[in-house]
Amino acid sequence: MNIYKRKKKNSFTLIELLVVIAIIGLLSSVILVSLSSVRAKARDSRRKSDIAQIRKALELYYADNEQYPLSGGAASPNGGWSNSGDGSWDTLKSALLGYIALPSDPINDTTGWSAGGKYNYDYYSLNSGCAGQWYMLVYKLEKPDISRPGVKACNDTNFNYANTITSGMCQKCQ
């Protein structure tokens, strides 16, 4: 009779448990990374949709008033911008009342403007010269799918903002 004979146990060894925990940790990190990417793409889709809706509202406003709403804030170093992250967005919101419930960026950072690494919408329309005949919308995507080089304003100012939408007529002003 062997008294040192081990009994067979129905349990896991420490090594087996550690391997299972490592595999679960690896799988959860992969899922979290892909979930983060999916959320960023969803916010970008909303941004594109919001900008398209704002553009439609601006064109309807132009058809009724023969000019685009003037921007009235100072959200950028250049001044004269309406920014969804501060009170200047209310100027545009009031002008487009009846055309659209003006959206804000899904993140809508209130500490800066979109060209400075923050996420919000910026609107600019010339307040002098050809006032209300041209506008610019600036927004930032988290996962940009194309590169946009920027635009030139009616007064020949070059704006090098990514994801810039413009509309209107540049005409010689007197």
N, C-alpha and C. Protein backbone atom coordinates (compact mmCIF):
# COMPACT_ATOMS: atom_id res chain seq x y z
N MET A 1 0.82 -1.17 0.00
CA MET A 1 0.00 0.00 0.00
C MET A 1 0.88 1.25 0.00
N ASN A 2 0.64 2.15 -0.93
CA ASN A 2 1.44 3.37 -1.09
C ASN A 2 0.67 4.52 -0.46
N ILE A 3 1.21 5.05 0.63
CA ILE A 3 0.53 6.14 1.31
C ILE A 3 0.83 7.51 0.68
N TYR A 4 1.83 7.55 -0.16
CA TYR A 4 2.18 8.82 -0.82
C TYR A 4 1.51 9.00 -2.18
N LYS A 5 0.65 8.14 -2.50
CA LYS A 5 -0.05 8.23 -3.78
C LYS A 5 -1.01 9.43 -3.74
N ARG A 6 -0.90 10.27 -4.75
CA ARG A 6 -1.74 11.47 -4.81
C ARG A 6 -3.13 11.14 -5.28
N LYS A 7 -4.05 11.87 -4.70
CA LYS A 7 -5.42 11.73 -5.16
C LYS A 7 -5.61 12.62 -6.38
N LYS A 8 -6.35 12.17 -7.34
CA LYS A 8 -6.63 12.97 -8.53
C LYS A 8 -7.70 13.99 -8.19
N LYS A 9 -7.39 15.28 -8.40
CA LYS A 9 -8.33 16.35 -8.08
C LYS A 9 -8.96 16.87 -9.37
N ASN A 10 -10.18 17.32 -9.26
CA ASN A 10 -10.89 17.90 -10.40
C ASN A 10 -10.86 19.42 -10.28
N SER A 11 -9.70 20.02 -10.42
CA SER A 11 -9.56 21.47 -10.32
C SER A 11 -8.50 21.94 -11.31
N PHE A 12 -8.42 23.28 -11.47
CA PHE A 12 -7.46 23.88 -12.39
C PHE A 12 -6.17 24.19 -11.65
N THR A 13 -5.08 24.12 -12.38
CA THR A 13 -3.80 24.52 -11.78
C THR A 13 -3.68 26.03 -11.91
N LEU A 14 -2.76 26.59 -11.17
CA LEU A 14 -2.52 28.03 -11.21
C LEU A 14 -2.10 28.47 -12.61
N ILE A 15 -1.30 27.70 -13.28
CA ILE A 15 -0.85 28.04 -14.64
C ILE A 15 -2.05 28.10 -15.59
N GLU A 16 -2.94 27.15 -15.51
CA GLU A 16 -4.11 27.14 -16.38
C GLU A 16 -4.98 28.38 -16.14
N LEU A 17 -5.15 28.75 -14.89
CA LEU A 17 -5.93 29.95 -14.57
C LEU A 17 -5.27 31.21 -15.12
N LEU A 18 -3.96 31.32 -14.99
CA LEU A 18 -3.24 32.49 -15.50
C LEU A 18 -3.33 32.58 -17.02
N VAL A 19 -3.26 31.46 -17.70
CA VAL A 19 -3.38 31.46 -19.16
C VAL A 19 -4.77 31.93 -19.58
N VAL A 20 -5.80 31.45 -18.92
CA VAL A 20 -7.17 31.87 -19.24
C VAL A 20 -7.36 33.36 -18.97
N ILE A 21 -6.85 33.86 -17.86
CA ILE A 21 -6.96 35.29 -17.53
C ILE A 21 -6.23 36.13 -18.58
N ALA A 22 -5.05 35.69 -19.02
CA ALA A 22 -4.30 36.43 -20.04
C ALA A 22 -5.07 36.47 -21.36
N ILE A 23 -5.67 35.37 -21.75
CA ILE A 23 -6.44 35.34 -23.00
C ILE A 23 -7.65 36.26 -22.90
N ILE A 24 -8.35 36.23 -21.79
CA ILE A 24 -9.51 37.12 -21.60
C ILE A 24 -9.07 38.58 -21.64
N GLY A 25 -7.96 38.90 -21.00
CA GLY A 25 -7.44 40.27 -21.02
C GLY A 25 -7.09 40.73 -22.42
N LEU A 26 -6.46 39.87 -23.19
CA LEU A 26 -6.09 40.21 -24.57
C LEU A 26 -7.33 40.44 -25.42
N LEU A 27 -8.30 39.56 -25.31
CA LEU A 27 -9.53 39.72 -26.09
C LEU A 27 -10.29 40.99 -25.71
N SER A 28 -10.34 41.29 -24.42
CA SER A 28 -11.06 42.51 -24.01
C SER A 28 -10.36 43.77 -24.49
N SER A 29 -9.03 43.78 -24.51
CA SER A 29 -8.32 44.97 -25.00
C SER A 29 -8.55 45.17 -26.50
N VAL A 30 -8.58 44.09 -27.26
CA VAL A 30 -8.85 44.19 -28.70
C VAL A 30 -10.27 44.72 -28.93
N ILE A 31 -11.22 44.25 -28.15
CA ILE A 31 -12.61 44.69 -28.29
C ILE A 31 -12.74 46.17 -27.93
N LEU A 32 -12.07 46.61 -26.86
CA LEU A 32 -12.15 48.01 -26.46
C LEU A 32 -11.55 48.94 -27.51
N VAL A 33 -10.43 48.53 -28.11
CA VAL A 33 -9.81 49.36 -29.15
C VAL A 33 -10.72 49.47 -30.36
N SER A 34 -11.30 48.36 -30.79
CA SER A 34 -12.18 48.43 -31.96
C SER A 34 -13.47 49.18 -31.64
N LEU A 35 -13.96 49.08 -30.42
CA LEU A 35 -15.16 49.82 -30.01
C LEU A 35 -14.90 51.32 -30.04
N SER A 36 -13.71 51.73 -29.60
CA SER A 36 -13.34 53.14 -29.63
C SER A 36 -13.30 53.66 -31.06
N SER A 37 -12.76 52.87 -31.96
CA SER A 37 -12.69 53.26 -33.37
C SER A 37 -14.08 53.37 -33.98
N VAL A 38 -14.96 52.45 -33.63
CA VAL A 38 -16.33 52.48 -34.15
C VAL A 38 -17.06 53.72 -33.64
N ARG A 39 -16.86 54.07 -32.38
CA ARG A 39 -17.50 55.27 -31.83
C ARG A 39 -17.01 56.53 -32.54
N ALA A 40 -15.71 56.61 -32.81
CA ALA A 40 -15.16 57.78 -33.51
C ALA A 40 -15.75 57.88 -34.92
N LYS A 41 -15.87 56.76 -35.61
CA LYS A 41 -16.48 56.77 -36.95
C LYS A 41 -17.94 57.19 -36.89
N ALA A 42 -18.64 56.76 -35.85
CA ALA A 42 -20.05 57.15 -35.70
C ALA A 42 -20.17 58.65 -35.47
N ARG A 43 -19.28 59.21 -34.64
CA ARG A 43 -19.31 60.67 -34.42
C ARG A 43 -18.97 61.41 -35.72
N ASP A 44 -18.02 60.89 -36.50
CA ASP A 44 -17.69 61.51 -37.79
C ASP A 44 -18.87 61.47 -38.75
N SER A 45 -19.59 60.36 -38.77
CA SER A 45 -20.79 60.27 -39.62
C SER A 45 -21.82 61.31 -39.21
N ARG A 46 -21.98 61.48 -37.91
CA ARG A 46 -22.93 62.50 -37.43
C ARG A 46 -22.46 63.89 -37.83
N ARG A 47 -21.15 64.15 -37.73
CA ARG A 47 -20.63 65.46 -38.13
C ARG A 47 -20.94 65.75 -39.59
N LYS A 48 -20.69 64.78 -40.47
CA LYS A 48 -20.95 64.97 -41.89
C LYS A 48 -22.44 65.21 -42.14
N SER A 49 -23.28 64.47 -41.45
CA SER A 49 -24.72 64.66 -41.58
C SER A 49 -25.15 66.03 -41.07
N ASP A 50 -24.61 66.43 -39.91
CA ASP A 50 -24.93 67.76 -39.35
C ASP A 50 -24.55 68.86 -40.32
N ILE A 51 -23.35 68.79 -40.88
CA ILE A 51 -22.87 69.82 -41.80
C ILE A 51 -23.76 69.87 -43.04
N ALA A 52 -24.17 68.71 -43.55
CA ALA A 52 -25.06 68.69 -44.72
C ALA A 52 -26.40 69.35 -44.38
N GLN A 53 -26.92 69.11 -43.19
CA GLN A 53 -28.19 69.73 -42.78
C GLN A 53 -28.04 71.24 -42.59
N ILE A 54 -26.92 71.65 -42.01
CA ILE A 54 -26.67 73.09 -41.83
C ILE A 54 -26.58 73.77 -43.19
N ARG A 55 -25.89 73.13 -44.14
CA ARG A 55 -25.77 73.71 -45.49
C ARG A 55 -27.14 73.88 -46.13
N LYS A 56 -28.00 72.87 -46.00
CA LYS A 56 -29.35 72.97 -46.57
C LYS A 56 -30.11 74.13 -45.94
N ALA A 57 -30.01 74.26 -44.62
CA ALA A 57 -30.70 75.35 -43.93
C ALA A 57 -30.15 76.70 -44.38
N LEU A 58 -28.84 76.80 -44.56
CA LEU A 58 -28.24 78.06 -45.02
C LEU A 58 -28.72 78.42 -46.42
N GLU A 59 -28.84 77.43 -47.30
CA GLU A 59 -29.31 77.70 -48.66
C GLU A 59 -30.79 78.11 -48.66
N LEU A 60 -31.59 77.51 -47.79
CA LEU A 60 -32.99 77.93 -47.66
C LEU A 60 -33.07 79.36 -47.13
N TYR A 61 -32.24 79.67 -46.16
CA TYR A 61 -32.19 81.03 -45.61
C TYR A 61 -31.81 82.02 -46.72
N TYR A 62 -30.80 81.64 -47.53
CA TYR A 62 -30.36 82.51 -48.63
C TYR A 62 -31.49 82.73 -49.64
N ALA A 63 -32.22 81.67 -49.95
CA ALA A 63 -33.32 81.78 -50.91
C ALA A 63 -34.39 82.75 -50.41
N ASP A 64 -34.62 82.79 -49.11
CA ASP A 64 -35.63 83.68 -48.54
C ASP A 64 -35.12 85.10 -48.32
N ASN A 65 -33.83 85.26 -48.02
CA ASN A 65 -33.30 86.57 -47.59
C ASN A 65 -32.25 87.17 -48.52
N GLU A 66 -31.88 86.47 -49.57
CA GLU A 66 -30.87 86.91 -50.55
C GLU A 66 -29.51 87.20 -49.92
N GLN A 67 -29.25 86.61 -48.78
CA GLN A 67 -27.94 86.66 -48.16
C GLN A 67 -27.87 85.56 -47.11
N TYR A 68 -26.66 85.18 -46.76
CA TYR A 68 -26.47 84.20 -45.69
C TYR A 68 -26.44 84.94 -44.36
N PRO A 69 -26.77 84.27 -43.25
CA PRO A 69 -26.70 84.95 -41.96
C PRO A 69 -25.26 85.37 -41.66
N LEU A 70 -25.12 86.52 -41.05
CA LEU A 70 -23.78 87.00 -40.70
C LEU A 70 -23.33 86.33 -39.42
N SER A 71 -22.05 86.03 -39.36
CA SER A 71 -21.50 85.45 -38.13
C SER A 71 -21.24 86.58 -37.15
N GLY A 72 -21.34 86.27 -35.87
CA GLY A 72 -21.24 87.37 -34.92
C GLY A 72 -20.36 87.12 -33.73
N GLY A 73 -19.51 86.13 -33.77
CA GLY A 73 -18.70 85.83 -32.59
C GLY A 73 -17.25 86.19 -32.79
N ALA A 74 -16.45 85.83 -31.82
CA ALA A 74 -15.00 86.03 -31.89
C ALA A 74 -14.32 84.76 -31.41
N ALA A 75 -14.70 83.63 -32.02
CA ALA A 75 -14.26 82.33 -31.53
C ALA A 75 -12.87 81.93 -32.01
N SER A 76 -12.25 82.72 -32.83
CA SER A 76 -10.95 82.33 -33.36
C SER A 76 -9.99 83.50 -33.26
N PRO A 77 -8.73 83.25 -33.56
CA PRO A 77 -7.79 84.36 -33.58
C PRO A 77 -8.16 85.42 -34.62
N ASN A 78 -8.90 85.04 -35.66
CA ASN A 78 -9.28 85.98 -36.71
C ASN A 78 -10.53 86.78 -36.36
N GLY A 79 -11.31 86.33 -35.39
CA GLY A 79 -12.52 87.03 -34.98
C GLY A 79 -13.64 86.90 -35.99
N GLY A 80 -14.86 87.22 -35.56
CA GLY A 80 -16.01 87.22 -36.44
C GLY A 80 -16.61 85.86 -36.72
N TRP A 81 -16.21 84.84 -36.01
CA TRP A 81 -16.71 83.49 -36.22
C TRP A 81 -17.82 83.17 -35.24
N SER A 82 -18.73 82.31 -35.65
CA SER A 82 -19.70 81.70 -34.73
C SER A 82 -19.21 80.29 -34.45
N ASN A 83 -19.13 79.93 -33.18
CA ASN A 83 -18.55 78.66 -32.77
C ASN A 83 -19.55 77.89 -31.92
N SER A 84 -19.76 76.60 -32.24
CA SER A 84 -20.75 75.81 -31.51
C SER A 84 -20.35 75.56 -30.07
N GLY A 85 -19.11 75.85 -29.72
CA GLY A 85 -18.64 75.64 -28.35
C GLY A 85 -18.83 76.84 -27.45
N ASP A 86 -19.36 77.94 -27.96
CA ASP A 86 -19.58 79.11 -27.09
C ASP A 86 -20.88 79.82 -27.47
N GLY A 87 -21.14 80.93 -26.85
CA GLY A 87 -22.38 81.67 -27.04
C GLY A 87 -22.57 82.26 -28.42
N SER A 88 -21.50 82.39 -29.20
CA SER A 88 -21.63 82.98 -30.53
C SER A 88 -22.46 82.10 -31.47
N TRP A 89 -22.59 80.81 -31.16
CA TRP A 89 -23.40 79.90 -31.97
C TRP A 89 -24.88 80.28 -31.90
N ASP A 90 -25.26 80.95 -30.80
CA ASP A 90 -26.65 81.37 -30.62
C ASP A 90 -27.07 82.38 -31.69
N THR A 91 -26.13 83.18 -32.20
CA THR A 91 -26.43 84.13 -33.27
C THR A 91 -26.91 83.39 -34.51
N LEU A 92 -26.18 82.36 -34.89
CA LEU A 92 -26.56 81.56 -36.06
C LEU A 92 -27.82 80.75 -35.77
N LYS A 93 -27.93 80.24 -34.55
CA LYS A 93 -29.11 79.46 -34.16
C LYS A 93 -30.37 80.30 -34.28
N SER A 94 -30.30 81.56 -33.86
CA SER A 94 -31.46 82.47 -33.97
C SER A 94 -31.80 82.76 -35.43
N ALA A 95 -30.77 82.97 -36.24
CA ALA A 95 -31.00 83.29 -37.65
C ALA A 95 -31.65 82.12 -38.39
N LEU A 96 -31.28 80.90 -38.04
CA LEU A 96 -31.79 79.72 -38.75
C LEU A 96 -33.01 79.10 -38.08
N LEU A 97 -33.53 79.76 -37.06
CA LEU A 97 -34.74 79.28 -36.40
C LEU A 97 -35.86 79.18 -37.42
N GLY A 98 -36.53 78.09 -37.49
CA GLY A 98 -37.55 77.87 -38.49
C GLY A 98 -37.04 77.07 -39.68
N TYR A 99 -35.72 77.02 -39.84
CA TYR A 99 -35.12 76.22 -40.90
C TYR A 99 -34.54 74.92 -40.35
N ILE A 100 -33.94 75.01 -39.15
CA ILE A 100 -33.26 73.86 -38.56
C ILE A 100 -33.09 74.09 -37.06
N ALA A 101 -33.12 73.00 -36.31
CA ALA A 101 -32.69 73.05 -34.91
C ALA A 101 -31.18 72.85 -34.97
N LEU A 102 -30.45 73.93 -34.89
CA LEU A 102 -29.01 73.92 -35.18
C LEU A 102 -28.25 72.94 -34.28
N PRO A 103 -27.60 71.94 -34.87
CA PRO A 103 -26.87 70.96 -34.07
C PRO A 103 -25.51 71.48 -33.63
N SER A 104 -24.95 70.80 -32.65
CA SER A 104 -23.59 71.04 -32.21
C SER A 104 -22.79 69.77 -32.42
N ASP A 105 -21.48 69.90 -32.46
CA ASP A 105 -20.61 68.74 -32.61
C ASP A 105 -20.88 67.72 -31.50
N PRO A 106 -20.77 66.41 -31.79
CA PRO A 106 -21.01 65.40 -30.76
C PRO A 106 -20.13 65.56 -29.52
N ILE A 107 -18.91 66.02 -29.69
CA ILE A 107 -18.04 66.27 -28.53
C ILE A 107 -18.23 67.70 -28.06
N ASN A 108 -18.29 68.65 -28.99
CA ASN A 108 -18.53 70.07 -28.74
C ASN A 108 -17.68 70.63 -27.61
N ASP A 109 -16.38 70.64 -27.83
CA ASP A 109 -15.43 71.16 -26.86
C ASP A 109 -15.61 72.66 -26.71
N THR A 110 -15.79 73.13 -25.50
CA THR A 110 -16.06 74.55 -25.26
C THR A 110 -14.80 75.35 -24.98
N THR A 111 -13.63 74.75 -25.14
CA THR A 111 -12.40 75.46 -24.79
C THR A 111 -11.58 75.88 -25.99
N GLY A 112 -12.12 75.80 -27.17
CA GLY A 112 -11.34 76.20 -28.34
C GLY A 112 -12.18 76.11 -29.59
N TRP A 113 -11.54 76.20 -30.73
CA TRP A 113 -12.26 76.07 -31.98
C TRP A 113 -11.64 74.96 -32.80
N SER A 114 -12.36 74.44 -33.78
CA SER A 114 -12.03 73.17 -34.41
C SER A 114 -10.67 73.12 -35.09
N ALA A 115 -10.16 74.22 -35.59
CA ALA A 115 -8.85 74.18 -36.22
C ALA A 115 -7.73 74.08 -35.19
N GLY A 116 -8.03 74.32 -33.93
CA GLY A 116 -7.02 74.26 -32.89
C GLY A 116 -6.97 72.93 -32.18
N GLY A 117 -7.45 71.87 -32.79
CA GLY A 117 -7.41 70.56 -32.17
C GLY A 117 -8.62 70.22 -31.33
N LYS A 118 -9.62 71.06 -31.34
CA LYS A 118 -10.84 70.83 -30.58
C LYS A 118 -11.94 70.38 -31.54
N TYR A 119 -13.00 69.84 -30.98
CA TYR A 119 -14.10 69.36 -31.80
C TYR A 119 -15.34 70.23 -31.59
N ASN A 120 -15.67 71.02 -32.59
CA ASN A 120 -16.89 71.80 -32.63
C ASN A 120 -17.09 72.30 -34.05
N TYR A 121 -18.16 73.01 -34.31
CA TYR A 121 -18.43 73.56 -35.63
C TYR A 121 -18.17 75.06 -35.59
N ASP A 122 -17.61 75.58 -36.68
CA ASP A 122 -17.36 77.01 -36.80
C ASP A 122 -18.02 77.51 -38.08
N TYR A 123 -18.62 78.69 -37.99
CA TYR A 123 -19.30 79.30 -39.13
C TYR A 123 -18.77 80.71 -39.30
N TYR A 124 -18.52 81.09 -40.56
CA TYR A 124 -18.04 82.43 -40.84
C TYR A 124 -18.72 82.94 -42.09
N SER A 125 -19.21 84.16 -42.02
CA SER A 125 -19.75 84.85 -43.19
C SER A 125 -19.22 86.27 -43.15
N LEU A 126 -18.80 86.76 -44.29
CA LEU A 126 -18.20 88.09 -44.33
C LEU A 126 -19.15 89.13 -43.76
N ASN A 127 -18.63 89.94 -42.87
CA ASN A 127 -19.44 90.98 -42.23
C ASN A 127 -19.25 92.35 -42.87
N SER A 128 -18.43 92.42 -43.91
CA SER A 128 -18.22 93.70 -44.59
C SER A 128 -18.00 93.42 -46.07
N GLY A 129 -18.02 94.45 -46.87
CA GLY A 129 -17.84 94.25 -48.30
C GLY A 129 -19.01 93.49 -48.89
N CYS A 130 -18.79 92.24 -49.24
CA CYS A 130 -19.84 91.37 -49.78
C CYS A 130 -20.57 90.66 -48.65
N ALA A 131 -21.05 91.39 -47.71
CA ALA A 131 -21.66 90.82 -46.51
C ALA A 131 -22.79 89.86 -46.86
N GLY A 132 -22.71 88.67 -46.31
CA GLY A 132 -23.77 87.69 -46.47
C GLY A 132 -23.83 86.98 -47.80
N GLN A 133 -22.84 87.15 -48.67
CA GLN A 133 -22.87 86.50 -49.98
C GLN A 133 -22.00 85.25 -50.04
N TRP A 134 -21.39 84.90 -48.94
CA TRP A 134 -20.46 83.78 -48.91
C TRP A 134 -20.36 83.30 -47.47
N TYR A 135 -20.18 82.01 -47.28
CA TYR A 135 -19.98 81.50 -45.92
C TYR A 135 -18.97 80.36 -45.92
N MET A 136 -18.50 80.04 -44.74
CA MET A 136 -17.58 78.93 -44.56
C MET A 136 -17.96 78.18 -43.28
N LEU A 137 -18.04 76.87 -43.38
CA LEU A 137 -18.25 75.99 -42.23
C LEU A 137 -16.98 75.17 -42.02
N VAL A 138 -16.48 75.15 -40.81
CA VAL A 138 -15.27 74.38 -40.49
C VAL A 138 -15.63 73.36 -39.43
N TYR A 139 -15.18 72.15 -39.64
CA TYR A 139 -15.39 71.08 -38.66
C TYR A 139 -14.19 70.15 -38.69
N LYS A 140 -14.05 69.33 -37.70
CA LYS A 140 -12.90 68.43 -37.62
C LYS A 140 -13.39 67.00 -37.44
N LEU A 141 -12.83 66.09 -38.24
CA LEU A 141 -13.14 64.67 -38.12
C LEU A 141 -12.10 63.98 -37.25
N GLU A 142 -12.53 62.99 -36.49
CA GLU A 142 -11.59 62.22 -35.68
C GLU A 142 -10.81 61.23 -36.54
N LYS A 143 -11.45 60.71 -37.57
CA LYS A 143 -10.84 59.75 -38.49
C LYS A 143 -11.01 60.30 -39.91
N PRO A 144 -10.20 61.28 -40.31
CA PRO A 144 -10.39 61.89 -41.64
C PRO A 144 -10.24 60.86 -42.75
N ASP A 145 -11.15 60.91 -43.71
CA ASP A 145 -11.09 59.98 -44.83
C ASP A 145 -10.50 60.62 -46.08
N ILE A 146 -10.51 61.94 -46.15
CA ILE A 146 -9.88 62.63 -47.28
C ILE A 146 -9.21 63.88 -46.76
N SER A 147 -8.27 64.38 -47.53
CA SER A 147 -7.59 65.61 -47.16
C SER A 147 -8.18 66.76 -47.96
N ARG A 148 -8.56 67.80 -47.28
CA ARG A 148 -9.09 68.99 -47.95
C ARG A 148 -8.07 70.11 -47.78
N PRO A 149 -7.65 70.72 -48.86
CA PRO A 149 -6.55 71.68 -48.78
C PRO A 149 -6.90 73.04 -48.20
N GLY A 150 -8.17 73.37 -48.07
CA GLY A 150 -8.55 74.70 -47.60
C GLY A 150 -9.23 75.46 -48.72
N VAL A 151 -9.59 76.69 -48.45
CA VAL A 151 -10.34 77.48 -49.41
C VAL A 151 -9.84 78.92 -49.41
N LYS A 152 -10.22 79.64 -50.45
CA LYS A 152 -9.90 81.05 -50.54
C LYS A 152 -11.20 81.84 -50.44
N ALA A 153 -11.22 82.81 -49.56
CA ALA A 153 -12.41 83.63 -49.35
C ALA A 153 -12.53 84.68 -50.45
N CYS A 154 -13.68 85.34 -50.47
CA CYS A 154 -13.93 86.38 -51.48
C CYS A 154 -12.90 87.50 -51.40
N ASN A 155 -12.42 87.79 -50.21
CA ASN A 155 -11.45 88.88 -50.07
C ASN A 155 -10.01 88.39 -50.25
N ASP A 156 -9.84 87.22 -50.90
CA ASP A 156 -8.55 86.60 -51.19
C ASP A 156 -7.78 86.14 -49.96
N THR A 157 -8.43 86.07 -48.82
CA THR A 157 -7.81 85.49 -47.64
C THR A 157 -7.80 83.98 -47.82
N ASN A 158 -6.65 83.35 -47.58
CA ASN A 158 -6.56 81.90 -47.72
C ASN A 158 -6.79 81.25 -46.36
N PHE A 159 -7.77 80.35 -46.28
CA PHE A 159 -8.06 79.61 -45.05
C PHE A 159 -7.61 78.17 -45.24
N ASN A 160 -6.62 77.75 -44.51
CA ASN A 160 -6.08 76.40 -44.64
C ASN A 160 -6.62 75.47 -43.57
N TYR A 161 -7.92 75.40 -43.42
CA TYR A 161 -8.54 74.53 -42.43
C TYR A 161 -8.97 73.24 -43.11
N ALA A 162 -8.68 72.12 -42.50
CA ALA A 162 -9.16 70.85 -43.03
C ALA A 162 -10.67 70.78 -42.84
N ASN A 163 -11.33 70.02 -43.70
CA ASN A 163 -12.77 69.81 -43.61
C ASN A 163 -13.54 71.13 -43.59
N THR A 164 -13.28 71.93 -44.61
CA THR A 164 -13.94 73.22 -44.74
C THR A 164 -14.94 73.15 -45.88
N ILE A 165 -16.13 73.63 -45.62
CA ILE A 165 -17.18 73.68 -46.63
C ILE A 165 -17.48 75.15 -46.90
N THR A 166 -17.54 75.53 -48.17
CA THR A 166 -17.89 76.91 -48.50
C THR A 166 -19.03 76.90 -49.50
N SER A 167 -19.69 78.03 -49.56
CA SER A 167 -20.74 78.20 -50.56
C SER A 167 -20.97 79.69 -50.75
N GLY A 168 -21.60 80.02 -51.83
CA GLY A 168 -21.91 81.40 -52.12
C GLY A 168 -21.17 81.87 -53.35
N MET A 169 -21.35 83.15 -53.64
CA MET A 169 -20.74 83.71 -54.83
C MET A 169 -19.68 84.72 -54.43
N CYS A 170 -18.51 84.56 -54.98
CA CYS A 170 -17.48 85.58 -54.80
C CYS A 170 -17.65 86.57 -55.95
N GLN A 171 -17.91 87.78 -55.59
CA GLN A 171 -18.10 88.80 -56.61
C GLN A 171 -17.32 90.04 -56.20
N LYS A 172 -17.01 90.84 -57.15
CA LYS A 172 -16.29 92.09 -56.85
C LYS A 172 -17.23 93.03 -56.11
N CYS A 173 -16.80 93.46 -54.96
CA CYS A 173 -17.62 94.36 -54.15
C CYS A 173 -17.11 95.78 -54.33
N GLN A 174 -18.01 96.70 -54.22
CA GLN A 174 -17.62 98.10 -54.36
C GLN A 174 -17.69 98.79 -53.03
